[in-house]
Amino acid sequence: MGKSLAAQSTVARAVFEEADDALGFPLSALCFEGPEDALKLTENTQPALLTVSTAAFRVLAERGFVPDYVAGHSLGEYSALVAAGSLQFADAVRLVRKRGRYMQEAVPPGLGAMAALLRLPEGALHGILQEAAQGEVVSAANLNAPDQVVIAGHAGAVNRAIDLAKAAGARRAILLQVSAPFHCALMKPAQERLAADLNAANFSDFACPLVNNWQAREVHTGAEARQGLYEQVPNPVLWAESIGYLAAQGVQRFVEVGAGGVLTGLLRSIDTSFEGFRFGDPADLEKLSR
């Protein structure tokens, strides 16, 4: 992950070196070589993804690409804030390392779960979640696209919601392989632990506006950035609404910066008229430059 970027770009390689220095261990080696089991630990996954996306962004910036807006899905909001000049990369990578640890430790293994519900009949979600709860937590965690919602909470309640969603006519309802139930009330302990770290970090006003996760609205100041990172921990990611807001401002061209292409796929699910590109590898530059 990110190995080809670092091999071919001095500016990308410098980001990986900065991450290693900030964290005090060779995150770059973990990104480039694994082992996969260690990389999948949330406290490692989060800084690794942030580092790759920041390295990719700096390669684009070096070539003259300048965003009109930034947005990031969950953890990606940290990358977006680094790109917008609100948060220094070294501070961000330390923050997300702690964020990952706090989230992992907030819920004992096996107690929580997440599931994706695809093409659920319109208007069915609220009733399903109410019926599935039975005194436990289950709620929308990611409102990703009109035909995709991710739910999170206690494992029993999530499994009940899966059965109810299938009975209601969902095309698919599947458990996700995740280490914790993110973006639900079970993350409150992680939110409270993260608050002190966010308050100690320096946030600047932005070079370009960010559309945040928890409100899907445009923000410009360091204070708003800090508040948004605090509020997003137990609250749902309003991704489809964020993309809708950007489209209403006239945005038609979206570039997913970093590892993978999940958000580019979601973009097509939201509106097929949008132009979606991805950049996480030097080979992607040719398509992006057209």
Protein backbone atom coordinates (compact mmCIF):
# COMPACT_ATOMS: atom_id res chain seq x y z
CA MET A 1 0.00 0.00 0.00
CA GLY A 2 1.63 3.20 -1.22
CA LYS A 3 4.87 1.42 -2.12
CA SER A 4 4.90 2.43 -5.79
CA LEU A 5 4.14 6.06 -4.88
CA ALA A 6 7.07 6.18 -2.47
CA ALA A 7 9.36 4.45 -4.96
CA GLN A 8 8.64 6.95 -7.73
CA SER A 9 8.11 10.21 -5.84
CA THR A 10 10.40 12.04 -3.44
CA VAL A 11 7.49 14.04 -2.02
CA ALA A 12 5.49 10.85 -1.33
CA ARG A 13 8.47 9.13 0.25
CA ALA A 14 8.92 12.11 2.57
CA VAL A 15 5.36 11.64 3.87
CA PHE A 16 6.07 8.03 4.85
CA GLU A 17 9.29 9.12 6.57
CA GLU A 18 7.39 11.83 8.44
CA ALA A 19 4.83 9.24 9.61
CA ASP A 20 7.61 6.95 10.86
CA ASP A 21 9.17 9.83 12.82
CA ALA A 22 5.85 11.05 14.25
CA LEU A 23 4.77 7.59 15.45
CA GLY A 24 8.17 6.30 16.54
CA PHE A 25 7.93 3.04 14.59
CA PRO A 26 8.27 2.09 10.90
CA LEU A 27 4.70 2.47 9.67
CA SER A 28 6.10 2.65 6.13
CA ALA A 29 7.42 -0.91 6.37
CA LEU A 30 4.02 -2.08 7.57
CA CYS A 31 2.35 -0.35 4.61
CA PHE A 32 4.81 -1.71 2.05
CA GLU A 33 5.44 -5.21 3.41
CA GLY A 34 2.80 -6.10 6.00
CA PRO A 35 2.15 -8.47 7.67
CA GLU A 36 -1.51 -8.08 6.75
CA ASP A 37 -2.74 -9.14 10.19
CA ALA A 38 -0.84 -6.28 11.82
CA LEU A 39 -1.98 -3.81 9.17
CA LYS A 40 -5.62 -4.77 9.82
CA LEU A 41 -5.43 -3.67 13.47
CA THR A 42 -7.44 -0.46 13.63
CA GLU A 43 -4.70 1.48 15.39
CA ASN A 44 -2.41 0.65 12.45
CA THR A 45 -4.98 0.76 9.64
CA GLN A 46 -6.04 4.32 10.39
CA PRO A 47 -2.57 5.95 10.29
CA ALA A 48 -1.61 3.79 7.30
CA LEU A 49 -4.59 4.95 5.23
CA LEU A 50 -4.04 8.57 6.26
CA THR A 51 -0.38 8.36 5.26
CA VAL A 52 -1.10 6.86 1.84
CA SER A 53 -3.80 9.43 1.08
CA THR A 54 -1.58 12.33 2.18
CA ALA A 55 1.32 11.02 0.11
CA ALA A 56 -0.96 10.74 -2.92
CA PHE A 57 -2.39 14.22 -2.35
CA ARG A 58 1.07 15.75 -2.20
CA VAL A 59 2.02 14.07 -5.46
CA LEU A 60 -1.04 15.68 -7.05
CA ALA A 61 -0.32 19.05 -5.46
CA GLU A 62 3.23 18.93 -6.81
CA ARG A 63 1.70 18.57 -10.28
CA GLY A 64 -0.56 21.56 -9.86
CA PHE A 65 -3.84 19.90 -8.85
CA VAL A 66 -5.71 22.19 -6.42
CA PRO A 67 -9.10 21.21 -4.91
CA ASP A 68 -12.04 23.58 -4.79
CA TYR A 69 -13.53 21.54 -1.91
CA VAL A 70 -12.40 18.61 0.21
CA ALA A 71 -14.36 15.89 1.99
CA GLY A 72 -13.43 12.57 3.56
CA HIS A 73 -15.40 9.52 4.62
CA SER A 74 -14.95 8.88 8.36
CA LEU A 75 -11.17 8.56 8.85
CA GLY A 76 -10.81 10.32 5.49
CA GLU A 77 -11.94 13.58 7.07
CA TYR A 78 -8.48 13.77 8.69
CA SER A 79 -6.85 13.42 5.27
CA ALA A 80 -9.16 16.10 3.92
CA LEU A 81 -8.20 18.47 6.73
CA VAL A 82 -4.50 17.89 6.05
CA ALA A 83 -5.15 18.60 2.37
CA ALA A 84 -7.03 21.80 3.26
CA GLY A 85 -4.19 23.03 5.46
CA SER A 86 -6.17 22.86 8.71
CA LEU A 87 -4.18 20.06 10.36
CA GLN A 88 -0.48 19.29 10.16
CA PHE A 89 0.19 15.78 8.91
CA ALA A 90 2.34 14.75 11.90
CA ASP A 91 -0.43 15.81 14.30
CA ALA A 92 -3.04 14.01 12.19
CA VAL A 93 -1.18 10.73 12.07
CA ARG A 94 -0.72 10.73 15.84
CA LEU A 95 -4.39 11.57 16.34
CA VAL A 96 -5.68 8.77 14.14
CA ARG A 97 -3.35 6.24 15.77
CA LYS A 98 -5.00 7.11 19.09
CA ARG A 99 -8.47 7.26 17.49
CA GLY A 100 -8.03 3.73 16.20
CA ARG A 101 -6.92 2.44 19.58
CA TYR A 102 -9.77 4.17 21.40
CA MET A 103 -12.35 2.78 18.96
CA GLN A 104 -10.92 -0.73 19.26
CA GLU A 105 -10.98 -0.58 23.06
CA ALA A 106 -14.46 0.98 23.33
CA VAL A 107 -16.28 -2.31 22.68
CA PRO A 108 -15.05 -5.79 23.74
CA PRO A 109 -14.40 -8.19 20.82
CA GLY A 110 -17.57 -9.94 19.66
CA LEU A 111 -19.97 -7.52 21.35
CA GLY A 112 -20.43 -5.20 18.36
CA ALA A 113 -21.03 -5.61 14.65
CA MET A 114 -21.70 -3.72 11.42
CA ALA A 115 -23.73 -4.68 8.37
CA ALA A 116 -24.40 -3.32 4.90
CA LEU A 117 -28.01 -3.12 3.73
CA LEU A 118 -28.32 -2.83 -0.05
CA ARG A 119 -31.39 -1.64 -1.90
CA LEU A 120 -33.61 -1.60 1.15
CA PRO A 121 -37.13 -0.44 0.26
CA GLU A 122 -37.52 3.30 0.78
CA GLY A 123 -38.79 4.23 4.24
CA ALA A 124 -38.11 0.80 5.76
CA LEU A 125 -34.91 1.56 7.68
CA HIS A 126 -36.36 3.35 10.72
CA GLY A 127 -38.89 0.62 11.49
CA ILE A 128 -36.30 -2.13 11.04
CA LEU A 129 -33.88 -0.48 13.46
CA GLN A 130 -36.60 0.12 16.03
CA GLU A 131 -37.79 -3.48 15.89
CA ALA A 132 -34.26 -4.91 15.92
CA ALA A 133 -33.03 -2.95 18.93
CA GLN A 134 -34.88 -4.76 21.76
CA GLY A 135 -33.05 -2.63 24.32
CA GLU A 136 -29.71 -2.78 22.51
CA VAL A 137 -27.95 -0.29 20.23
CA VAL A 138 -28.40 -0.48 16.47
CA SER A 139 -28.38 2.59 14.21
CA ALA A 140 -27.34 3.90 10.81
CA ALA A 141 -23.55 4.35 10.71
CA ASN A 142 -22.87 5.28 7.07
CA LEU A 143 -25.53 6.71 4.77
CA ASN A 144 -23.40 6.02 1.72
CA ALA A 145 -25.76 6.15 -1.25
CA PRO A 146 -29.51 5.95 -1.94
CA ASP A 147 -29.21 2.17 -2.21
CA GLN A 148 -26.57 1.55 0.48
CA VAL A 149 -26.67 2.08 4.23
CA VAL A 150 -24.33 0.60 6.82
CA ILE A 151 -25.64 -0.08 10.31
CA ALA A 152 -23.73 -0.60 13.56
CA GLY A 153 -24.38 -1.60 17.17
CA HIS A 154 -24.62 -4.63 19.41
CA ALA A 155 -24.06 -7.85 17.48
CA GLY A 156 -27.44 -9.32 18.40
CA ALA A 157 -29.34 -6.22 17.30
CA VAL A 158 -27.38 -5.96 14.04
CA ASN A 159 -28.13 -9.60 13.23
CA ARG A 160 -31.82 -9.06 13.95
CA ALA A 161 -31.77 -6.04 11.65
CA ILE A 162 -30.21 -8.15 8.89
CA ASP A 163 -33.04 -10.67 9.12
CA LEU A 164 -35.67 -7.92 9.15
CA ALA A 165 -34.05 -6.16 6.19
CA LYS A 166 -34.09 -9.37 4.16
CA ALA A 167 -37.74 -9.91 5.05
CA ALA A 168 -38.51 -6.33 4.00
CA GLY A 169 -37.05 -6.93 0.54
CA ALA A 170 -33.44 -5.72 0.75
CA ARG A 171 -31.39 -7.01 -2.16
CA ARG A 172 -28.57 -7.91 0.22
CA ALA A 173 -27.98 -7.62 3.95
CA ILE A 174 -24.54 -8.77 5.03
CA LEU A 175 -22.27 -8.62 8.06
CA LEU A 176 -19.06 -6.66 7.52
CA GLN A 177 -15.65 -7.85 8.63
CA VAL A 178 -14.75 -4.97 10.94
CA SER A 179 -12.89 -4.69 14.22
CA ALA A 180 -15.49 -2.53 16.00
CA PRO A 181 -19.00 -1.04 15.53
CA PHE A 182 -18.02 2.41 14.27
CA HIS A 183 -20.25 5.51 14.16
CA CYS A 184 -22.84 4.43 16.71
CA ALA A 185 -23.53 5.17 20.39
CA LEU A 186 -21.18 2.36 21.46
CA MET A 187 -18.33 4.65 20.36
CA LYS A 188 -19.12 7.26 23.06
CA PRO A 189 -16.19 6.10 25.27
CA ALA A 190 -13.82 6.53 22.30
CA GLN A 191 -15.25 9.97 21.62
CA GLU A 192 -14.63 11.11 25.19
CA ARG A 193 -11.05 9.79 25.20
CA LEU A 194 -10.32 11.46 21.86
CA ALA A 195 -11.63 14.83 23.06
CA ALA A 196 -8.50 15.63 25.07
CA ASP A 197 -6.24 14.85 22.11
CA LEU A 198 -8.32 16.95 19.73
CA ASN A 199 -8.29 19.86 22.19
CA ALA A 200 -4.50 19.64 22.47
CA ALA A 201 -3.97 19.67 18.68
CA ASN A 202 -3.63 22.83 16.62
CA PHE A 203 -6.30 23.36 13.95
CA SER A 204 -6.02 26.24 11.47
CA ASP A 205 -8.64 27.82 9.25
CA PHE A 206 -8.83 26.21 5.82
CA ALA A 207 -7.25 27.03 2.47
CA CYS A 208 -10.38 25.55 0.85
CA PRO A 209 -13.73 24.54 2.38
CA LEU A 210 -14.48 21.10 3.78
CA VAL A 211 -17.86 19.36 3.75
CA ASN A 212 -17.99 17.49 7.05
CA ASN A 213 -19.35 14.06 7.93
CA TRP A 214 -21.74 14.64 10.78
CA GLN A 215 -23.65 17.58 9.30
CA ALA A 216 -22.85 17.33 5.56
CA ARG A 217 -22.25 21.07 5.57
CA GLU A 218 -19.46 23.38 4.47
CA VAL A 219 -17.03 24.50 7.19
CA HIS A 220 -14.02 26.84 7.07
CA THR A 221 -12.48 27.23 10.54
CA GLY A 222 -10.18 25.28 12.78
CA ALA A 223 -12.79 25.28 15.57
CA GLU A 224 -15.35 23.72 13.22
CA ALA A 225 -12.78 21.12 12.13
CA ARG A 226 -12.08 20.05 15.71
CA GLN A 227 -15.78 19.86 16.57
CA GLY A 228 -16.50 17.83 13.46
CA LEU A 229 -13.87 15.21 14.29
CA TYR A 230 -15.28 14.92 17.80
CA GLU A 231 -18.90 14.61 16.68
CA GLN A 232 -18.28 12.14 13.86
CA VAL A 233 -17.12 9.35 16.23
CA PRO A 234 -20.57 8.19 17.50
CA ASN A 235 -22.65 9.77 14.72
CA PRO A 236 -23.43 8.55 11.19
CA VAL A 237 -21.38 9.56 8.17
CA LEU A 238 -23.74 11.51 5.90
CA TRP A 239 -21.84 10.68 2.74
CA ALA A 240 -24.60 10.73 0.12
CA GLU A 241 -25.81 14.04 1.54
CA SER A 242 -22.26 15.44 1.45
CA ILE A 243 -21.88 14.53 -2.22
CA GLY A 244 -25.30 16.06 -2.88
CA TYR A 245 -24.19 19.29 -1.22
CA LEU A 246 -21.05 19.43 -3.36
CA ALA A 247 -23.08 18.80 -6.50
CA ALA A 248 -25.39 21.67 -5.54
CA GLN A 249 -22.32 23.94 -5.46
CA GLY A 250 -21.55 22.94 -9.04
CA VAL A 251 -18.97 20.21 -8.38
CA GLN A 252 -19.02 17.55 -11.10
CA ARG A 253 -15.48 16.14 -10.99
CA PHE A 254 -14.41 14.11 -7.96
CA VAL A 255 -10.98 12.63 -7.27
CA GLU A 256 -10.64 9.86 -4.68
CA VAL A 257 -7.15 10.24 -3.26
CA GLY A 258 -5.46 7.30 -1.53
CA ALA A 259 -5.79 3.53 -1.36
CA GLY A 260 -8.68 1.78 -3.11
CA GLY A 261 -11.70 2.98 -5.02
CA VAL A 262 -14.71 2.47 -2.75
CA LEU A 263 -15.80 6.11 -2.84
CA THR A 264 -15.57 6.25 -6.63
CA GLY A 265 -17.95 3.28 -6.72
CA LEU A 266 -20.33 5.02 -4.32
CA LEU A 267 -20.23 8.12 -6.51
CA ARG A 268 -21.67 6.12 -9.39
CA SER A 269 -24.40 4.84 -7.09
CA ILE A 270 -25.31 8.40 -6.09
CA ASP A 271 -25.36 9.92 -9.58
CA THR A 272 -24.01 8.39 -12.79
CA SER A 273 -23.47 11.85 -14.30
CA PHE A 274 -20.56 12.66 -11.96
CA GLU A 275 -16.96 12.25 -13.15
CA GLY A 276 -15.11 10.04 -10.69
CA PHE A 277 -11.36 9.43 -10.71
CA ARG A 278 -9.03 7.73 -8.29
CA PHE A 279 -5.41 8.41 -7.52
CA GLY A 280 -3.34 6.16 -5.31
CA ASP A 281 -0.77 4.86 -7.76
CA PRO A 282 1.50 6.61 -10.28
CA ALA A 283 -0.26 4.75 -13.10
CA ASP A 284 -3.48 6.62 -12.25
CA LEU A 285 -1.99 9.96 -13.28
CA GLU A 286 -2.51 9.35 -16.98
CA LYS A 287 -6.31 9.02 -16.63
CA LEU A 288 -6.51 11.95 -14.25
CA SER A 289 -4.54 14.27 -16.54
CA ARG A 290 -6.84 13.79 -19.54
